[in-house]
Amino acid sequence: MGRCWVGIDITHLAVNLIRTRLRDAFGKDAQFTVVGEPEDVTGAQALAGEDPFQFQCWALGLVGARPSGGVKKGADQGVDGRLHFVEGPGSTQVIVFQVKAGHVGARDVRDLRGVVEREKAAIGVLLTMEPPTHPMRTEAASAGFYRWPFNQQAYARLQLLSVEELFTGKQVDYPSGTGANVTLKRAPRAKQAGGPTPTSLFEAPREAAEDAAPYGEPGPPKGRERRSGRP
C-alpha cells in the first residue's frame, strides 16, 4: 500500500527481535534501516564504554544469538549468549557465546573451551572488540571440530570473531540452512502470490520453540532511543 512506518525502542535487544521478525515474515522484501546502532568499530567502542550490556546485546544480535537471561544483565555462569539450531529430526543443539569488550588473550579461549565442555555445547564463540591474536587462534584450533550428524560436515568447535570482522559480514560457521536457527520464535511468513514458502530442513521440536520465546518487555526508558523503520 506504499505506507511507511517508524518503530522506536530503547534497547538493542528489542530492535534485534523486530529486525529478525521482519526478515522472517518478508524475507528479502523486508527493506528498512536502523538508526542508532554502531556503524563502525569506533561506534562499537563508544557503545561498549557507554553501556556494556547493550554492547553485548548488539554484538549477539549480529550473529543471530540472544543474551542469556533475556533482558536481565549479567552472564549466566560464563555464558553471555546462546544460539539454538536444528541438529536433526526432533533435536536441537546449542552454540554458547562470550562477549569481550576489553583486552583478550589465549586464556579467554581456554576459559571458553571449559564452558563449552560444561554446557555440552556443539560450538563456542568468542566475540571480541580486539582482533584475536595468533596464540588465541592456535588455542581455538586445538579444540577440534563439531560434526553435524546430518552429513558429517565439520565445523570448528571454538570460533573467534572480532567486531571488525562482524562489520565485514563474517558470521558463525554452523549448520545454518533455511530455518536452522531456532533461537527466537519465528514470525509467520507473509503470504506471497506464486511460489512455495521456504521451510526448514527439519522441524524444530516443541521444547526448542518454547525455549525460543520472545524477549520480555523492556524496562523503564533511559538512554538514547534505538529506531528502526521503512519496510
C-alpha atoms as a PDB file:
ATOM      1  CA  MET A   1       0.000   0.000   0.000  1.00  0.00           C
ATOM      2  CA  GLY A   2       3.040   2.240  -0.113  1.00  0.00           C
ATOM      3  CA  ARG A   3       2.907   3.054   3.574  1.00  0.00           C
ATOM      4  CA  CYS A   4       5.953   3.978   5.661  1.00  0.00           C
ATOM      5  CA  TRP A   5       6.393   3.477   9.370  1.00  0.00           C
ATOM      6  CA  VAL A   6       8.777   4.266  12.202  1.00  0.00           C
ATOM      7  CA  GLY A   7       9.361   1.919  15.129  1.00  0.00           C
ATOM      8  CA  ILE A   8      11.079   3.185  18.286  1.00  0.00           C
ATOM      9  CA  ASP A   9      12.648   1.260  21.133  1.00  0.00           C
ATOM     10  CA  ILE A  10      15.356   1.920  23.689  1.00  0.00           C
ATOM     11  CA  THR A  11      17.246  -1.397  23.642  1.00  0.00           C
ATOM     12  CA  HIS A  12      19.312  -3.240  21.055  1.00  0.00           C
ATOM     13  CA  LEU A  13      17.689  -6.406  22.378  1.00  0.00           C
ATOM     14  CA  ALA A  14      14.209  -5.347  21.242  1.00  0.00           C
ATOM     15  CA  VAL A  15      15.387  -3.828  17.955  1.00  0.00           C
ATOM     16  CA  ASN A  16      17.082  -7.101  17.033  1.00  0.00           C
ATOM     17  CA  LEU A  17      13.855  -9.009  17.722  1.00  0.00           C
ATOM     18  CA  ILE A  18      11.913  -6.626  15.438  1.00  0.00           C
ATOM     19  CA  ARG A  19      14.540  -6.974  12.709  1.00  0.00           C
ATOM     20  CA  THR A  20      14.506 -10.760  12.956  1.00  0.00           C
ATOM     21  CA  ARG A  21      10.713 -10.967  12.722  1.00  0.00           C
ATOM     22  CA  LEU A  22      10.562  -8.622   9.745  1.00  0.00           C
ATOM     23  CA  ARG A  23      13.023 -10.843   7.902  1.00  0.00           C
ATOM     24  CA  ASP A  24      11.145 -13.984   8.950  1.00  0.00           C
ATOM     25  CA  ALA A  25       7.861 -12.553   7.673  1.00  0.00           C
ATOM     26  CA  PHE A  26       9.003 -10.824   4.480  1.00  0.00           C
ATOM     27  CA  GLY A  27      12.391 -12.316   3.613  1.00  0.00           C
ATOM     28  CA  LYS A  28      14.295 -10.267   1.026  1.00  0.00           C
ATOM     29  CA  ASP A  29      11.277  -7.983   0.592  1.00  0.00           C
ATOM     30  CA  ALA A  30      11.855  -6.539   4.078  1.00  0.00           C
ATOM     31  CA  GLN A  31      13.627  -3.238   3.426  1.00  0.00           C
ATOM     32  CA  PHE A  32      14.330  -0.997   6.396  1.00  0.00           C
ATOM     33  CA  THR A  33      17.068   0.977   8.117  1.00  0.00           C
ATOM     34  CA  VAL A  34      18.046   1.004  11.780  1.00  0.00           C
ATOM     35  CA  VAL A  35      19.182   4.308  13.280  1.00  0.00           C
ATOM     36  CA  GLY A  36      21.195   4.460  16.486  1.00  0.00           C
ATOM     37  CA  GLU A  37      23.341   1.334  16.167  1.00  0.00           C
ATOM     38  CA  PRO A  38      27.145   1.318  15.790  1.00  0.00           C
ATOM     39  CA  GLU A  39      28.204   1.642  12.158  1.00  0.00           C
ATOM     40  CA  ASP A  40      31.931   1.044  12.653  1.00  0.00           C
ATOM     41  CA  VAL A  41      34.463  -0.116  15.236  1.00  0.00           C
ATOM     42  CA  THR A  42      34.665   3.375  16.756  1.00  0.00           C
ATOM     43  CA  GLY A  43      30.894   3.382  17.286  1.00  0.00           C
ATOM     44  CA  ALA A  44      31.071  -0.080  18.833  1.00  0.00           C
ATOM     45  CA  GLN A  45      33.780   1.078  21.229  1.00  0.00           C
ATOM     46  CA  ALA A  46      31.639   4.066  22.202  1.00  0.00           C
ATOM     47  CA  LEU A  47      28.650   1.797  22.913  1.00  0.00           C
ATOM     48  CA  ALA A  48      30.808  -0.571  24.982  1.00  0.00           C
ATOM     49  CA  GLY A  49      32.042   2.359  27.064  1.00  0.00           C
ATOM     50  CA  GLU A  50      28.552   3.824  27.487  1.00  0.00           C
ATOM     51  CA  ASP A  51      26.620   0.614  28.236  1.00  0.00           C
ATOM     52  CA  PRO A  52      28.491  -2.738  28.237  1.00  0.00           C
ATOM     53  CA  PHE A  53      25.257  -4.747  28.428  1.00  0.00           C
ATOM     54  CA  GLN A  54      23.778  -3.045  25.365  1.00  0.00           C
ATOM     55  CA  PHE A  55      27.072  -3.646  23.537  1.00  0.00           C
ATOM     56  CA  GLN A  56      26.737  -7.314  24.418  1.00  0.00           C
ATOM     57  CA  CYS A  57      23.132  -7.425  23.164  1.00  0.00           C
ATOM     58  CA  TRP A  58      24.097  -5.630  19.945  1.00  0.00           C
ATOM     59  CA  ALA A  59      27.022  -7.954  19.225  1.00  0.00           C
ATOM     60  CA  LEU A  60      24.958 -11.080  19.895  1.00  0.00           C
ATOM     61  CA  GLY A  61      22.205  -9.757  17.624  1.00  0.00           C
ATOM     62  CA  LEU A  62      24.662  -9.520  14.735  1.00  0.00           C
ATOM     63  CA  VAL A  63      25.168 -13.303  14.830  1.00  0.00           C
ATOM     64  CA  GLY A  64      21.562 -14.334  15.496  1.00  0.00           C
ATOM     65  CA  ALA A  65      22.067 -15.172  19.180  1.00  0.00           C
ATOM     66  CA  ARG A  66      20.185 -13.935  22.229  1.00  0.00           C
ATOM     67  CA  PRO A  67      21.570 -12.890  25.631  1.00  0.00           C
ATOM     68  CA  SER A  68      21.447 -15.387  28.460  1.00  0.00           C
ATOM     69  CA  GLY A  69      18.712 -14.348  30.859  1.00  0.00           C
ATOM     70  CA  GLY A  70      16.888 -12.209  28.258  1.00  0.00           C
ATOM     71  CA  VAL A  71      16.557  -8.616  29.446  1.00  0.00           C
ATOM     72  CA  LYS A  72      18.435  -9.250  32.693  1.00  0.00           C
ATOM     73  CA  LYS A  73      22.036  -8.083  32.958  1.00  0.00           C
ATOM     74  CA  GLY A  74      24.841 -10.419  33.932  1.00  0.00           C
ATOM     75  CA  ALA A  75      26.356 -13.547  32.416  1.00  0.00           C
ATOM     76  CA  ASP A  76      24.900 -16.981  33.105  1.00  0.00           C
ATOM     77  CA  GLN A  77      27.872 -18.946  34.511  1.00  0.00           C
ATOM     78  CA  GLY A  78      30.260 -17.736  31.832  1.00  0.00           C
ATOM     79  CA  VAL A  79      27.675 -17.766  29.022  1.00  0.00           C
ATOM     80  CA  ASP A  80      26.758 -14.336  27.636  1.00  0.00           C
ATOM     81  CA  GLY A  81      24.508 -15.645  24.869  1.00  0.00           C
ATOM     82  CA  ARG A  82      23.115 -18.713  23.160  1.00  0.00           C
ATOM     83  CA  LEU A  83      22.053 -19.757  19.675  1.00  0.00           C
ATOM     84  CA  HIS A  84      19.922 -22.869  19.173  1.00  0.00           C
ATOM     85  CA  PHE A  85      19.975 -24.690  15.854  1.00  0.00           C
ATOM     86  CA  VAL A  86      18.295 -27.775  14.436  1.00  0.00           C
ATOM     87  CA  GLU A  87      20.599 -30.771  14.589  1.00  0.00           C
ATOM     88  CA  GLY A  88      18.208 -33.388  13.231  1.00  0.00           C
ATOM     89  CA  PRO A  89      14.575 -34.515  13.282  1.00  0.00           C
ATOM     90  CA  GLY A  90      13.201 -33.628  16.705  1.00  0.00           C
ATOM     91  CA  SER A  91      16.507 -32.418  18.177  1.00  0.00           C
ATOM     92  CA  THR A  92      18.454 -29.190  18.588  1.00  0.00           C
ATOM     93  CA  GLN A  93      21.961 -28.182  19.617  1.00  0.00           C
ATOM     94  CA  VAL A  94      23.322 -25.027  21.188  1.00  0.00           C
ATOM     95  CA  ILE A  95      26.160 -22.602  20.478  1.00  0.00           C
ATOM     96  CA  VAL A  96      27.397 -20.658  23.520  1.00  0.00           C
ATOM     97  CA  PHE A  97      28.869 -17.155  23.300  1.00  0.00           C
ATOM     98  CA  GLN A  98      31.144 -14.972  25.362  1.00  0.00           C
ATOM     99  CA  VAL A  99      31.470 -11.255  24.533  1.00  0.00           C
ATOM    100  CA  LYS A 100      34.643  -9.363  25.452  1.00  0.00           C
ATOM    101  CA  ALA A 101      34.960  -5.590  25.009  1.00  0.00           C
ATOM    102  CA  GLY A 102      38.389  -5.339  26.659  1.00  0.00           C
ATOM    103  CA  HIS A 103      41.780  -6.986  26.304  1.00  0.00           C
ATOM    104  CA  VAL A 104      41.722 -10.670  25.354  1.00  0.00           C
ATOM    105  CA  GLY A 105      44.255 -13.493  25.208  1.00  0.00           C
ATOM    106  CA  ALA A 106      44.663 -17.252  24.924  1.00  0.00           C
ATOM    107  CA  ARG A 107      43.412 -17.651  28.497  1.00  0.00           C
ATOM    108  CA  ASP A 108      39.963 -16.418  27.391  1.00  0.00           C
ATOM    109  CA  VAL A 109      39.853 -19.121  24.718  1.00  0.00           C
ATOM    110  CA  ARG A 110      40.746 -21.790  27.282  1.00  0.00           C
ATOM    111  CA  ASP A 111      38.006 -20.486  29.562  1.00  0.00           C
ATOM    112  CA  LEU A 112      35.501 -20.693  26.704  1.00  0.00           C
ATOM    113  CA  ARG A 113      36.551 -24.262  25.995  1.00  0.00           C
ATOM    114  CA  GLY A 114      35.758 -25.163  29.592  1.00  0.00           C
ATOM    115  CA  VAL A 115      32.313 -23.563  29.266  1.00  0.00           C
ATOM    116  CA  VAL A 116      31.606 -25.481  26.031  1.00  0.00           C
ATOM    117  CA  GLU A 117      32.513 -28.762  27.712  1.00  0.00           C
ATOM    118  CA  ARG A 118      30.465 -27.980  30.830  1.00  0.00           C
ATOM    119  CA  GLU A 119      27.409 -26.923  28.814  1.00  0.00           C
ATOM    120  CA  LYS A 120      27.831 -29.847  26.382  1.00  0.00           C
ATOM    121  CA  ALA A 121      27.505 -27.311  23.568  1.00  0.00           C
ATOM    122  CA  ALA A 122      28.247 -28.058  19.940  1.00  0.00           C
ATOM    123  CA  ILE A 123      30.268 -24.874  19.389  1.00  0.00           C
ATOM    124  CA  GLY A 124      31.642 -21.987  21.436  1.00  0.00           C
ATOM    125  CA  VAL A 125      32.156 -18.493  20.028  1.00  0.00           C
ATOM    126  CA  LEU A 126      34.202 -15.613  21.435  1.00  0.00           C
ATOM    127  CA  LEU A 127      33.093 -12.178  20.188  1.00  0.00           C
ATOM    128  CA  THR A 128      35.848  -9.626  20.797  1.00  0.00           C
ATOM    129  CA  MET A 129      36.495  -5.937  20.340  1.00  0.00           C
ATOM    130  CA  GLU A 130      40.193  -6.583  19.789  1.00  0.00           C
ATOM    131  CA  PRO A 131      41.362  -8.724  16.860  1.00  0.00           C
ATOM    132  CA  PRO A 132      42.200 -12.281  18.038  1.00  0.00           C
ATOM    133  CA  THR A 133      45.922 -12.933  18.445  1.00  0.00           C
ATOM    134  CA  HIS A 134      47.855 -15.793  16.868  1.00  0.00           C
ATOM    135  CA  PRO A 135      48.091 -17.683  20.213  1.00  0.00           C
ATOM    136  CA  MET A 136      44.303 -17.312  20.571  1.00  0.00           C
ATOM    137  CA  ARG A 137      43.691 -18.815  17.137  1.00  0.00           C
ATOM    138  CA  THR A 138      46.146 -21.636  17.865  1.00  0.00           C
ATOM    139  CA  GLU A 139      44.350 -22.397  21.125  1.00  0.00           C
ATOM    140  CA  ALA A 140      40.965 -22.382  19.355  1.00  0.00           C
ATOM    141  CA  ALA A 141      42.208 -24.709  16.619  1.00  0.00           C
ATOM    142  CA  SER A 142      43.331 -27.252  19.225  1.00  0.00           C
ATOM    143  CA  ALA A 143      39.702 -27.791  20.303  1.00  0.00           C
ATOM    144  CA  GLY A 144      38.892 -29.750  17.157  1.00  0.00           C
ATOM    145  CA  PHE A 145      35.552 -29.887  15.362  1.00  0.00           C
ATOM    146  CA  TYR A 146      31.833 -30.430  15.798  1.00  0.00           C
ATOM    147  CA  ARG A 147      30.393 -32.739  13.114  1.00  0.00           C
ATOM    148  CA  TRP A 148      26.799 -32.271  12.058  1.00  0.00           C
ATOM    149  CA  PRO A 149      25.071 -35.684  12.196  1.00  0.00           C
ATOM    150  CA  PHE A 150      23.053 -34.955   9.036  1.00  0.00           C
ATOM    151  CA  ASN A 151      26.061 -35.075   6.692  1.00  0.00           C
ATOM    152  CA  GLN A 152      29.129 -35.220   8.973  1.00  0.00           C
ATOM    153  CA  GLN A 153      30.272 -31.780   7.832  1.00  0.00           C
ATOM    154  CA  ALA A 154      32.886 -30.370  10.211  1.00  0.00           C
ATOM    155  CA  TYR A 155      32.640 -27.010  11.996  1.00  0.00           C
ATOM    156  CA  ALA A 156      35.334 -25.555  14.251  1.00  0.00           C
ATOM    157  CA  ARG A 157      34.463 -26.277  17.879  1.00  0.00           C
ATOM    158  CA  LEU A 158      35.801 -22.903  19.039  1.00  0.00           C
ATOM    159  CA  GLN A 159      35.415 -19.828  16.847  1.00  0.00           C
ATOM    160  CA  LEU A 160      36.734 -16.287  17.260  1.00  0.00           C
ATOM    161  CA  LEU A 161      35.056 -13.251  15.724  1.00  0.00           C
ATOM    162  CA  SER A 162      36.133  -9.642  16.151  1.00  0.00           C
ATOM    163  CA  VAL A 163      33.821  -6.641  15.850  1.00  0.00           C
ATOM    164  CA  GLU A 164      35.716  -5.586  12.748  1.00  0.00           C
ATOM    165  CA  GLU A 165      35.010  -8.977  11.148  1.00  0.00           C
ATOM    166  CA  LEU A 166      31.326  -8.699  12.080  1.00  0.00           C
ATOM    167  CA  PHE A 167      31.161  -5.394  10.195  1.00  0.00           C
ATOM    168  CA  THR A 168      32.516  -7.136   7.090  1.00  0.00           C
ATOM    169  CA  GLY A 169      29.693  -9.670   7.275  1.00  0.00           C
ATOM    170  CA  LYS A 170      31.603 -12.626   8.704  1.00  0.00           C
ATOM    171  CA  GLN A 171      29.355 -14.981  10.676  1.00  0.00           C
ATOM    172  CA  VAL A 172      29.493 -18.020  12.923  1.00  0.00           C
ATOM    173  CA  ASP A 173      30.199 -21.175  10.940  1.00  0.00           C
ATOM    174  CA  TYR A 174      27.483 -23.710  11.802  1.00  0.00           C
ATOM    175  CA  PRO A 175      24.677 -25.655  10.034  1.00  0.00           C
ATOM    176  CA  SER A 176      22.680 -22.547   9.089  1.00  0.00           C
ATOM    177  CA  GLY A 177      20.349 -23.537   6.267  1.00  0.00           C
ATOM    178  CA  THR A 178      16.789 -22.239   5.923  1.00  0.00           C
ATOM    179  CA  GLY A 179      15.067 -22.341   9.309  1.00  0.00           C
ATOM    180  CA  ALA A 180      18.054 -23.883  11.121  1.00  0.00           C
ATOM    181  CA  ASN A 181      18.341 -21.088  13.709  1.00  0.00           C
ATOM    182  CA  VAL A 182      15.511 -21.599  16.196  1.00  0.00           C
ATOM    183  CA  THR A 183      16.827 -19.230  18.868  1.00  0.00           C
ATOM    184  CA  LEU A 184      13.869 -16.882  18.501  1.00  0.00           C
ATOM    185  CA  LYS A 185      10.269 -17.838  17.865  1.00  0.00           C
ATOM    186  CA  ARG A 186       9.759 -17.264  14.146  1.00  0.00           C
ATOM    187  CA  ALA A 187       7.215 -14.787  12.847  1.00  0.00           C
ATOM    188  CA  PRO A 188       4.589 -16.173  10.423  1.00  0.00           C
ATOM    189  CA  ARG A 189       5.749 -15.956   6.822  1.00  0.00           C
ATOM    190  CA  ALA A 190       3.843 -13.325   4.840  1.00  0.00           C
ATOM    191  CA  LYS A 191       1.784 -14.882   2.061  1.00  0.00           C
ATOM    192  CA  GLN A 192       3.003 -14.062  -1.430  1.00  0.00           C
ATOM    193  CA  ALA A 193       1.466 -14.743  -4.799  1.00  0.00           C
ATOM    194  CA  GLY A 194       3.252 -17.552  -6.603  1.00  0.00           C
ATOM    195  CA  GLY A 195       5.959 -19.845  -5.301  1.00  0.00           C
ATOM    196  CA  PRO A 196       6.071 -22.001  -2.172  1.00  0.00           C
ATOM    197  CA  THR A 197       7.015 -20.635   1.244  1.00  0.00           C
ATOM    198  CA  PRO A 198      10.528 -21.732   2.276  1.00  0.00           C
ATOM    199  CA  THR A 199      10.535 -24.314   5.074  1.00  0.00           C
ATOM    200  CA  SER A 200      13.223 -25.580   7.423  1.00  0.00           C
ATOM    201  CA  LEU A 201      15.269 -28.671   6.683  1.00  0.00           C
ATOM    202  CA  PHE A 202      13.913 -30.266   9.843  1.00  0.00           C
ATOM    203  CA  GLU A 203      11.055 -29.270  12.098  1.00  0.00           C
ATOM    204  CA  ALA A 204      12.279 -27.978  15.456  1.00  0.00           C
ATOM    205  CA  PRO A 205      10.988 -29.904  18.495  1.00  0.00           C
ATOM    206  CA  ARG A 206       8.328 -28.336  20.711  1.00  0.00           C
ATOM    207  CA  GLU A 207      10.735 -27.713  23.595  1.00  0.00           C
ATOM    208  CA  ALA A 208      13.049 -25.701  21.314  1.00  0.00           C
ATOM    209  CA  ALA A 209      10.189 -23.477  20.209  1.00  0.00           C
ATOM    210  CA  GLU A 210       9.185 -22.925  23.814  1.00  0.00           C
ATOM    211  CA  ASP A 211      12.758 -22.133  24.832  1.00  0.00           C
ATOM    212  CA  ALA A 212      12.957 -19.631  21.967  1.00  0.00           C
ATOM    213  CA  ALA A 213      10.206 -17.447  23.436  1.00  0.00           C
ATOM    214  CA  PRO A 214      10.390 -13.729  22.594  1.00  0.00           C
ATOM    215  CA  TYR A 215      12.202 -11.273  24.810  1.00  0.00           C
ATOM    216  CA  GLY A 216      10.355  -9.755  27.753  1.00  0.00           C
ATOM    217  CA  GLU A 217       9.053  -6.209  27.881  1.00  0.00           C
ATOM    218  CA  PRO A 218      11.786  -3.551  28.071  1.00  0.00           C
ATOM    219  CA  GLY A 219      12.372  -1.766  31.372  1.00  0.00           C
ATOM    220  CA  PRO A 220      11.911   1.935  32.170  1.00  0.00           C
ATOM    221  CA  PRO A 221      13.169   4.210  29.354  1.00  0.00           C
ATOM    222  CA  LYS A 222      16.628   5.604  29.749  1.00  0.00           C
ATOM    223  CA  GLY A 223      19.486   6.493  27.431  1.00  0.00           C
ATOM    224  CA  ARG A 224      19.217   7.134  23.717  1.00  0.00           C
ATOM    225  CA  GLU A 225      16.418   5.856  21.512  1.00  0.00           C
ATOM    226  CA  ARG A 226      17.007   2.968  19.109  1.00  0.00           C
ATOM    227  CA  ARG A 227      14.994   3.349  15.975  1.00  0.00           C
ATOM    228  CA  SER A 228      14.020   1.066  13.138  1.00  0.00           C
ATOM    229  CA  GLY A 229      11.943   1.890  10.110  1.00  0.00           C
ATOM    230  CA  ARG A 230      10.766   1.807   6.473  1.00  0.00           C
ATOM    231  CA  PRO A 231       9.850  -1.698   5.336  1.00  0.00           C
END
